[in-house]
Amino acid sequence: QLWDAKEAILKQDGAVGLDLQPAAGLWPAMAKACAGVLGEKESVTASGCDREGHPLGLLWGIFCSLVAEVSRAFSIVGMGVLTEVRVSRTRMGGEGSKTAGGPEVDNGGLLPDNRREVSFRIFVPTDGREPGPPATLMLRTKDGERALSLEVCAGRAFAFWSR
């Protein structure tokens, strides 16, 4: 049901935000798992997230569910799934600033073809609770012709076409 309501938006815009259903204790557990994997680093890629008992296994499972829905919606056969999850600290920019290294979507109408990948992001607050200040995920095409702004909040997953 969550996906069905948003599928048309992904097809039209090439990006979508999905609010995951709240589950008691989910975000504190995910915050703890992310903190454990990240340690003091700014960013880390955790491998083997498909293995039973991996601390990021639940997040990886959510990403797999999103892959299945994208595959179904766009009739993509044999879509591959990485078994790693990248965890990083969000860099906050001041008013009017642009945070370097933000995600870019490729040019080409934001729709899938044989050169594109679908990327997913889930924002997990470090304390496992709803964050206070508002935040926005900015997506733009590499040539700057198109930009999308999506509100960030705990438990919101994003899917977008990338390269």
N, C-alpha and C. Protein backbone atom coordinates (compact mmCIF):
# COMPACT_ATOMS: atom_id res chain seq x y z
N GLN A 1 0.82 -1.19 0.00
CA GLN A 1 0.00 0.00 0.00
C GLN A 1 0.86 1.25 0.00
N LEU A 2 1.93 1.25 0.79
CA LEU A 2 2.84 2.40 0.85
C LEU A 2 3.37 2.71 -0.54
N TRP A 3 3.85 1.69 -1.22
CA TRP A 3 4.44 1.88 -2.54
C TRP A 3 3.40 2.29 -3.57
N ASP A 4 2.24 1.65 -3.57
CA ASP A 4 1.22 1.91 -4.58
C ASP A 4 0.83 3.38 -4.65
N ALA A 5 0.77 4.04 -3.51
CA ALA A 5 0.40 5.45 -3.48
C ALA A 5 1.48 6.36 -4.04
N LYS A 6 2.73 5.90 -4.10
CA LYS A 6 3.85 6.75 -4.51
C LYS A 6 4.47 6.36 -5.85
N GLU A 7 4.06 5.23 -6.40
CA GLU A 7 4.67 4.73 -7.63
C GLU A 7 4.58 5.74 -8.76
N ALA A 8 3.42 6.38 -8.93
CA ALA A 8 3.25 7.35 -10.01
C ALA A 8 4.19 8.54 -9.86
N ILE A 9 4.49 8.93 -8.62
CA ILE A 9 5.40 10.05 -8.39
C ILE A 9 6.81 9.69 -8.86
N LEU A 10 7.28 8.46 -8.54
CA LEU A 10 8.60 8.04 -9.00
C LEU A 10 8.63 7.99 -10.53
N LYS A 11 7.57 7.53 -11.14
CA LYS A 11 7.54 7.47 -12.61
C LYS A 11 7.54 8.86 -13.23
N GLN A 12 6.90 9.81 -12.59
CA GLN A 12 6.82 11.17 -13.12
C GLN A 12 8.08 11.98 -12.83
N ASP A 13 8.56 11.94 -11.57
CA ASP A 13 9.65 12.81 -11.14
C ASP A 13 11.01 12.14 -11.12
N GLY A 14 11.06 10.82 -11.10
CA GLY A 14 12.34 10.13 -11.00
C GLY A 14 12.87 10.03 -9.59
N ALA A 15 12.09 10.53 -8.61
CA ALA A 15 12.49 10.47 -7.20
C ALA A 15 11.22 10.49 -6.36
N VAL A 16 11.30 9.83 -5.20
CA VAL A 16 10.13 9.77 -4.32
C VAL A 16 10.57 9.59 -2.88
N GLY A 17 9.79 10.15 -1.96
CA GLY A 17 9.99 9.93 -0.53
C GLY A 17 8.88 9.02 -0.02
N LEU A 18 9.25 8.03 0.77
CA LEU A 18 8.28 7.07 1.31
C LEU A 18 8.37 7.04 2.82
N ASP A 19 7.26 7.23 3.48
CA ASP A 19 7.23 7.20 4.95
C ASP A 19 7.02 5.76 5.41
N LEU A 20 8.05 5.21 6.04
CA LEU A 20 7.96 3.85 6.55
C LEU A 20 7.08 3.82 7.78
N GLN A 21 6.36 2.75 7.96
CA GLN A 21 5.45 2.63 9.10
C GLN A 21 6.25 2.61 10.39
N PRO A 22 5.77 3.36 11.39
CA PRO A 22 6.48 3.34 12.68
C PRO A 22 6.35 1.98 13.35
N ALA A 23 7.41 1.55 13.94
CA ALA A 23 7.42 0.31 14.71
C ALA A 23 8.12 0.60 16.03
N ALA A 24 7.52 0.17 17.10
CA ALA A 24 8.09 0.45 18.42
C ALA A 24 9.54 -0.01 18.49
N GLY A 25 10.41 0.93 18.83
CA GLY A 25 11.82 0.59 19.02
C GLY A 25 12.65 0.49 17.76
N LEU A 26 12.05 0.65 16.57
CA LEU A 26 12.79 0.48 15.33
C LEU A 26 13.90 1.51 15.18
N TRP A 27 13.58 2.80 15.31
CA TRP A 27 14.59 3.83 15.03
C TRP A 27 15.68 3.88 16.09
N PRO A 28 15.38 3.69 17.37
CA PRO A 28 16.49 3.60 18.33
C PRO A 28 17.42 2.42 18.02
N ALA A 29 16.85 1.29 17.61
CA ALA A 29 17.67 0.12 17.27
C ALA A 29 18.51 0.40 16.03
N MET A 30 17.92 1.06 15.02
CA MET A 30 18.66 1.39 13.81
C MET A 30 19.75 2.42 14.10
N ALA A 31 19.44 3.41 14.97
CA ALA A 31 20.44 4.42 15.33
C ALA A 31 21.63 3.75 16.03
N LYS A 32 21.36 2.81 16.90
CA LYS A 32 22.43 2.09 17.60
C LYS A 32 23.27 1.27 16.62
N ALA A 33 22.61 0.58 15.69
CA ALA A 33 23.34 -0.22 14.70
C ALA A 33 24.21 0.67 13.81
N CYS A 34 23.66 1.79 13.35
CA CYS A 34 24.43 2.71 12.50
C CYS A 34 25.61 3.29 13.26
N ALA A 35 25.39 3.70 14.51
CA ALA A 35 26.47 4.25 15.33
C ALA A 35 27.57 3.22 15.56
N GLY A 36 27.18 1.97 15.77
CA GLY A 36 28.16 0.91 15.98
C GLY A 36 29.02 0.66 14.76
N VAL A 37 28.41 0.70 13.59
CA VAL A 37 29.15 0.48 12.34
C VAL A 37 30.00 1.69 12.01
N LEU A 38 29.47 2.88 12.26
CA LEU A 38 30.15 4.12 11.90
C LEU A 38 31.31 4.46 12.83
N GLY A 39 31.13 4.21 14.12
CA GLY A 39 32.17 4.58 15.09
C GLY A 39 32.43 6.07 15.05
N GLU A 40 33.68 6.46 14.96
CA GLU A 40 34.05 7.88 14.91
C GLU A 40 34.23 8.40 13.48
N LYS A 41 34.05 7.53 12.49
CA LYS A 41 34.25 7.93 11.10
C LYS A 41 33.09 8.79 10.60
N GLU A 42 33.33 9.53 9.54
CA GLU A 42 32.29 10.33 8.90
C GLU A 42 31.43 9.47 7.99
N SER A 43 32.04 8.43 7.41
CA SER A 43 31.33 7.58 6.46
C SER A 43 32.01 6.22 6.40
N VAL A 44 31.23 5.18 6.23
CA VAL A 44 31.76 3.83 6.11
C VAL A 44 30.80 3.00 5.27
N THR A 45 31.34 2.07 4.51
CA THR A 45 30.53 1.13 3.75
C THR A 45 30.62 -0.23 4.43
N ALA A 46 29.48 -0.72 4.88
CA ALA A 46 29.41 -2.01 5.57
C ALA A 46 29.07 -3.09 4.56
N SER A 47 29.90 -4.12 4.47
CA SER A 47 29.70 -5.22 3.54
C SER A 47 28.98 -6.38 4.23
N GLY A 48 28.44 -7.28 3.41
CA GLY A 48 27.82 -8.49 3.94
C GLY A 48 26.54 -8.25 4.71
N CYS A 49 25.83 -7.20 4.38
CA CYS A 49 24.60 -6.86 5.12
C CYS A 49 23.49 -7.87 4.91
N ASP A 50 23.67 -8.77 3.95
CA ASP A 50 22.68 -9.81 3.70
C ASP A 50 22.84 -11.01 4.64
N ARG A 51 23.95 -11.05 5.38
CA ARG A 51 24.20 -12.17 6.30
C ARG A 51 23.30 -12.09 7.52
N GLU A 52 22.85 -13.24 7.97
CA GLU A 52 22.02 -13.31 9.16
C GLU A 52 22.79 -12.75 10.36
N GLY A 53 22.12 -11.90 11.12
CA GLY A 53 22.73 -11.33 12.31
C GLY A 53 23.54 -10.06 12.06
N HIS A 54 23.67 -9.62 10.80
CA HIS A 54 24.42 -8.39 10.53
C HIS A 54 23.68 -7.21 11.16
N PRO A 55 24.39 -6.27 11.82
CA PRO A 55 23.72 -5.16 12.49
C PRO A 55 22.86 -4.30 11.55
N LEU A 56 23.21 -4.25 10.26
CA LEU A 56 22.44 -3.45 9.31
C LEU A 56 21.52 -4.31 8.44
N GLY A 57 21.32 -5.54 8.86
CA GLY A 57 20.48 -6.47 8.09
C GLY A 57 19.06 -5.97 7.89
N LEU A 58 18.49 -5.33 8.90
CA LEU A 58 17.13 -4.83 8.77
C LEU A 58 17.06 -3.70 7.74
N LEU A 59 18.01 -2.77 7.79
CA LEU A 59 18.04 -1.70 6.78
C LEU A 59 18.22 -2.28 5.39
N TRP A 60 19.11 -3.26 5.26
CA TRP A 60 19.34 -3.88 3.96
C TRP A 60 18.05 -4.55 3.47
N GLY A 61 17.31 -5.17 4.35
CA GLY A 61 16.03 -5.78 3.99
C GLY A 61 15.02 -4.76 3.48
N ILE A 62 15.01 -3.58 4.10
CA ILE A 62 14.13 -2.50 3.64
C ILE A 62 14.53 -2.09 2.22
N PHE A 63 15.83 -1.94 1.99
CA PHE A 63 16.30 -1.59 0.64
C PHE A 63 15.91 -2.67 -0.36
N CYS A 64 16.01 -3.93 0.02
CA CYS A 64 15.63 -5.03 -0.89
C CYS A 64 14.15 -4.96 -1.25
N SER A 65 13.32 -4.60 -0.28
CA SER A 65 11.89 -4.45 -0.55
C SER A 65 11.65 -3.33 -1.56
N LEU A 66 12.39 -2.24 -1.41
CA LEU A 66 12.26 -1.13 -2.35
C LEU A 66 12.73 -1.54 -3.75
N VAL A 67 13.81 -2.32 -3.82
CA VAL A 67 14.29 -2.82 -5.11
C VAL A 67 13.22 -3.67 -5.79
N ALA A 68 12.57 -4.53 -5.02
CA ALA A 68 11.51 -5.38 -5.57
C ALA A 68 10.38 -4.53 -6.16
N GLU A 69 10.01 -3.47 -5.47
CA GLU A 69 8.93 -2.61 -5.96
C GLU A 69 9.33 -1.84 -7.21
N VAL A 70 10.56 -1.32 -7.24
CA VAL A 70 11.04 -0.62 -8.43
C VAL A 70 11.10 -1.59 -9.61
N SER A 71 11.60 -2.78 -9.37
CA SER A 71 11.69 -3.80 -10.41
C SER A 71 10.30 -4.12 -10.98
N ARG A 72 9.33 -4.27 -10.10
CA ARG A 72 7.96 -4.56 -10.54
C ARG A 72 7.37 -3.38 -11.30
N ALA A 73 7.51 -2.17 -10.76
CA ALA A 73 6.89 -0.98 -11.35
C ALA A 73 7.41 -0.68 -12.75
N PHE A 74 8.69 -0.94 -12.98
CA PHE A 74 9.30 -0.62 -14.27
C PHE A 74 9.57 -1.86 -15.11
N SER A 75 9.05 -3.02 -14.68
CA SER A 75 9.22 -4.28 -15.41
C SER A 75 10.69 -4.57 -15.72
N ILE A 76 11.54 -4.42 -14.72
CA ILE A 76 12.97 -4.67 -14.86
C ILE A 76 13.25 -6.09 -14.38
N VAL A 77 13.75 -6.91 -15.28
CA VAL A 77 14.06 -8.30 -14.95
C VAL A 77 15.53 -8.41 -14.56
N GLY A 78 15.81 -9.11 -13.48
CA GLY A 78 17.19 -9.36 -13.08
C GLY A 78 17.89 -8.18 -12.47
N MET A 79 17.18 -7.31 -11.79
CA MET A 79 17.82 -6.17 -11.13
C MET A 79 18.72 -6.70 -10.02
N GLY A 80 19.96 -6.27 -10.00
CA GLY A 80 20.92 -6.70 -8.99
C GLY A 80 20.84 -5.85 -7.73
N VAL A 81 21.21 -6.44 -6.59
CA VAL A 81 21.18 -5.74 -5.31
C VAL A 81 22.55 -5.90 -4.66
N LEU A 82 23.16 -4.78 -4.26
CA LEU A 82 24.41 -4.84 -3.52
C LEU A 82 24.15 -5.37 -2.11
N THR A 83 25.14 -6.00 -1.53
CA THR A 83 25.00 -6.49 -0.16
C THR A 83 25.73 -5.60 0.82
N GLU A 84 25.89 -4.33 0.46
CA GLU A 84 26.54 -3.39 1.34
C GLU A 84 25.67 -2.16 1.53
N VAL A 85 25.84 -1.52 2.67
CA VAL A 85 25.10 -0.31 3.01
C VAL A 85 26.12 0.75 3.41
N ARG A 86 25.97 1.93 2.87
CA ARG A 86 26.85 3.04 3.23
C ARG A 86 26.17 3.84 4.34
N VAL A 87 26.90 4.05 5.42
CA VAL A 87 26.40 4.82 6.56
C VAL A 87 27.27 6.07 6.67
N SER A 88 26.64 7.23 6.77
CA SER A 88 27.42 8.46 6.90
C SER A 88 26.67 9.47 7.75
N ARG A 89 27.44 10.36 8.33
CA ARG A 89 26.85 11.44 9.11
C ARG A 89 26.40 12.53 8.15
N THR A 90 25.22 13.06 8.42
CA THR A 90 24.70 14.14 7.59
C THR A 90 25.46 15.42 7.91
N ARG A 91 25.92 16.07 6.87
CA ARG A 91 26.57 17.36 7.04
C ARG A 91 25.53 18.44 6.93
N MET A 92 25.43 19.24 7.96
CA MET A 92 24.44 20.31 7.98
C MET A 92 25.05 21.57 7.41
N GLY A 93 24.33 22.21 6.51
CA GLY A 93 24.79 23.47 5.95
C GLY A 93 24.04 24.62 6.59
N GLY A 94 24.65 25.78 6.58
CA GLY A 94 23.99 26.96 7.11
C GLY A 94 22.94 27.47 6.14
N GLU A 95 22.25 28.49 6.51
CA GLU A 95 21.21 29.04 5.66
C GLU A 95 21.80 29.48 4.33
N GLY A 96 21.17 29.03 3.25
CA GLY A 96 21.61 29.41 1.91
C GLY A 96 22.81 28.64 1.41
N SER A 97 23.37 27.74 2.21
CA SER A 97 24.55 27.01 1.75
C SER A 97 24.14 25.75 1.02
N LYS A 98 25.05 25.27 0.19
CA LYS A 98 24.84 24.00 -0.51
C LYS A 98 25.85 23.02 0.06
N THR A 99 25.36 21.91 0.54
CA THR A 99 26.25 20.90 1.09
C THR A 99 26.93 20.17 -0.06
N ALA A 100 28.25 20.15 -0.05
CA ALA A 100 29.00 19.48 -1.11
C ALA A 100 28.78 17.98 -1.03
N GLY A 101 28.85 17.33 -2.19
CA GLY A 101 28.77 15.89 -2.21
C GLY A 101 27.36 15.33 -2.11
N GLY A 102 26.34 16.17 -2.28
CA GLY A 102 24.97 15.70 -2.25
C GLY A 102 24.67 14.83 -3.47
N PRO A 103 23.58 14.08 -3.42
CA PRO A 103 23.30 13.18 -4.53
C PRO A 103 22.92 13.91 -5.80
N GLU A 104 23.34 13.37 -6.93
CA GLU A 104 22.96 13.90 -8.23
C GLU A 104 22.24 12.80 -8.98
N VAL A 105 21.21 13.18 -9.70
CA VAL A 105 20.55 12.24 -10.59
C VAL A 105 21.06 12.53 -11.99
N ASP A 106 21.09 11.51 -12.83
CA ASP A 106 21.63 11.72 -14.16
C ASP A 106 20.63 12.43 -15.06
N ASN A 107 21.12 12.94 -16.19
CA ASN A 107 20.25 13.56 -17.18
C ASN A 107 19.59 12.45 -17.98
N GLY A 108 18.46 12.73 -18.55
CA GLY A 108 17.78 11.73 -19.35
C GLY A 108 16.35 11.56 -18.91
N GLY A 109 15.73 12.59 -18.38
CA GLY A 109 14.34 12.53 -18.04
C GLY A 109 14.05 11.83 -16.73
N LEU A 110 15.07 11.44 -15.98
CA LEU A 110 14.91 10.80 -14.68
C LEU A 110 14.19 9.46 -14.76
N LEU A 111 14.15 8.84 -15.92
CA LEU A 111 13.52 7.53 -16.05
C LEU A 111 14.59 6.47 -16.33
N PRO A 112 14.30 5.21 -16.02
CA PRO A 112 15.33 4.18 -16.12
C PRO A 112 15.70 3.83 -17.56
N ASP A 113 16.94 3.49 -17.77
CA ASP A 113 17.39 2.86 -18.99
C ASP A 113 18.53 1.92 -18.61
N ASN A 114 19.21 1.35 -19.60
CA ASN A 114 20.21 0.33 -19.29
C ASN A 114 21.48 0.85 -18.63
N ARG A 115 21.63 2.17 -18.48
CA ARG A 115 22.83 2.73 -17.85
C ARG A 115 22.57 3.25 -16.45
N ARG A 116 21.35 3.19 -15.99
CA ARG A 116 21.00 3.83 -14.74
C ARG A 116 20.96 2.86 -13.57
N GLU A 117 21.09 3.43 -12.41
CA GLU A 117 20.95 2.70 -11.15
C GLU A 117 19.84 3.37 -10.36
N VAL A 118 19.26 2.63 -9.45
CA VAL A 118 18.32 3.25 -8.53
C VAL A 118 19.02 3.32 -7.18
N SER A 119 18.98 4.48 -6.56
CA SER A 119 19.64 4.69 -5.27
C SER A 119 18.57 4.88 -4.20
N PHE A 120 18.90 4.46 -2.98
CA PHE A 120 17.98 4.60 -1.86
C PHE A 120 18.70 5.25 -0.70
N ARG A 121 18.00 6.06 0.05
CA ARG A 121 18.53 6.65 1.28
C ARG A 121 17.45 6.60 2.34
N ILE A 122 17.86 6.27 3.54
CA ILE A 122 16.98 6.33 4.70
C ILE A 122 17.70 7.17 5.74
N PHE A 123 17.01 8.12 6.32
CA PHE A 123 17.60 8.97 7.33
C PHE A 123 17.21 8.46 8.71
N VAL A 124 18.21 8.12 9.49
CA VAL A 124 18.01 7.61 10.84
C VAL A 124 18.60 8.63 11.80
N PRO A 125 17.78 9.24 12.66
CA PRO A 125 18.32 10.21 13.62
C PRO A 125 19.30 9.54 14.57
N THR A 126 20.37 10.23 14.90
CA THR A 126 21.42 9.62 15.73
C THR A 126 20.93 9.18 17.09
N ASP A 127 19.91 9.84 17.62
CA ASP A 127 19.38 9.42 18.92
C ASP A 127 18.17 8.51 18.78
N GLY A 128 17.78 8.19 17.55
CA GLY A 128 16.65 7.31 17.32
C GLY A 128 15.30 7.99 17.44
N ARG A 129 15.30 9.29 17.69
CA ARG A 129 14.04 10.03 17.82
C ARG A 129 13.88 11.00 16.66
N GLU A 130 12.69 11.53 16.54
CA GLU A 130 12.41 12.51 15.50
C GLU A 130 13.34 13.71 15.67
N PRO A 131 14.08 14.09 14.62
CA PRO A 131 14.98 15.24 14.75
C PRO A 131 14.20 16.55 14.86
N GLY A 132 14.80 17.54 15.50
CA GLY A 132 14.16 18.82 15.72
C GLY A 132 14.12 19.72 14.50
N PRO A 133 15.30 20.17 13.99
CA PRO A 133 15.28 21.15 12.91
C PRO A 133 14.85 20.51 11.59
N PRO A 134 14.15 21.28 10.76
CA PRO A 134 13.74 20.75 9.46
C PRO A 134 14.96 20.54 8.56
N ALA A 135 14.85 19.57 7.66
CA ALA A 135 15.95 19.28 6.74
C ALA A 135 15.35 18.93 5.38
N THR A 136 16.15 19.13 4.34
CA THR A 136 15.69 18.88 2.98
C THR A 136 16.75 18.11 2.22
N LEU A 137 16.32 17.13 1.44
CA LEU A 137 17.21 16.42 0.52
C LEU A 137 17.02 17.07 -0.84
N MET A 138 18.11 17.61 -1.39
CA MET A 138 18.07 18.24 -2.70
C MET A 138 18.64 17.28 -3.73
N LEU A 139 17.90 17.02 -4.77
CA LEU A 139 18.36 16.20 -5.89
C LEU A 139 18.38 17.10 -7.11
N ARG A 140 19.41 16.96 -7.93
CA ARG A 140 19.47 17.77 -9.14
C ARG A 140 20.11 16.96 -10.27
N THR A 141 19.75 17.31 -11.49
CA THR A 141 20.41 16.69 -12.63
C THR A 141 21.80 17.30 -12.75
N LYS A 142 22.70 16.57 -13.35
CA LYS A 142 24.08 17.04 -13.45
C LYS A 142 24.22 18.34 -14.22
N ASP A 143 23.34 18.56 -15.19
CA ASP A 143 23.44 19.81 -15.93
C ASP A 143 22.65 20.94 -15.28
N GLY A 144 22.00 20.65 -14.14
CA GLY A 144 21.29 21.67 -13.40
C GLY A 144 19.93 22.06 -13.95
N GLU A 145 19.46 21.34 -14.99
CA GLU A 145 18.18 21.70 -15.58
C GLU A 145 16.98 21.37 -14.70
N ARG A 146 17.15 20.43 -13.80
CA ARG A 146 16.02 19.99 -12.97
C ARG A 146 16.50 19.79 -11.54
N ALA A 147 15.68 20.20 -10.59
CA ALA A 147 15.99 19.99 -9.18
C ALA A 147 14.71 19.62 -8.44
N LEU A 148 14.85 18.77 -7.45
CA LEU A 148 13.74 18.37 -6.59
C LEU A 148 14.13 18.58 -5.15
N SER A 149 13.20 19.03 -4.34
CA SER A 149 13.42 19.18 -2.90
C SER A 149 12.46 18.24 -2.19
N LEU A 150 13.00 17.40 -1.32
CA LEU A 150 12.19 16.44 -0.57
C LEU A 150 12.47 16.63 0.91
N GLU A 151 11.42 16.74 1.71
CA GLU A 151 11.56 16.94 3.15
C GLU A 151 12.10 15.67 3.81
N VAL A 152 13.06 15.85 4.70
CA VAL A 152 13.68 14.74 5.42
C VAL A 152 13.06 14.65 6.80
N CYS A 153 12.73 13.43 7.21
CA CYS A 153 12.29 13.19 8.58
C CYS A 153 12.61 11.73 8.92
N ALA A 154 12.57 11.42 10.19
CA ALA A 154 12.89 10.06 10.64
C ALA A 154 11.96 9.06 9.96
N GLY A 155 12.53 7.99 9.46
CA GLY A 155 11.73 6.94 8.87
C GLY A 155 11.29 7.20 7.44
N ARG A 156 11.79 8.24 6.83
CA ARG A 156 11.45 8.50 5.43
C ARG A 156 12.57 7.93 4.56
N ALA A 157 12.17 7.08 3.63
CA ALA A 157 13.12 6.49 2.67
C ALA A 157 12.96 7.20 1.34
N PHE A 158 14.05 7.33 0.63
CA PHE A 158 14.03 7.99 -0.68
C PHE A 158 14.55 7.03 -1.73
N ALA A 159 13.93 7.07 -2.89
CA ALA A 159 14.39 6.30 -4.05
C ALA A 159 14.54 7.29 -5.19
N PHE A 160 15.66 7.20 -5.93
CA PHE A 160 15.87 8.07 -7.07
C PHE A 160 16.79 7.40 -8.07
N TRP A 161 16.60 7.75 -9.35
CA TRP A 161 17.43 7.21 -10.42
C TRP A 161 18.76 7.94 -10.41
N SER A 162 19.84 7.19 -10.55
CA SER A 162 21.18 7.77 -10.53
C SER A 162 22.06 6.99 -11.48
N ARG A 163 23.33 7.41 -11.55
CA ARG A 163 24.30 6.68 -12.37
C ARG A 163 25.54 6.45 -11.58
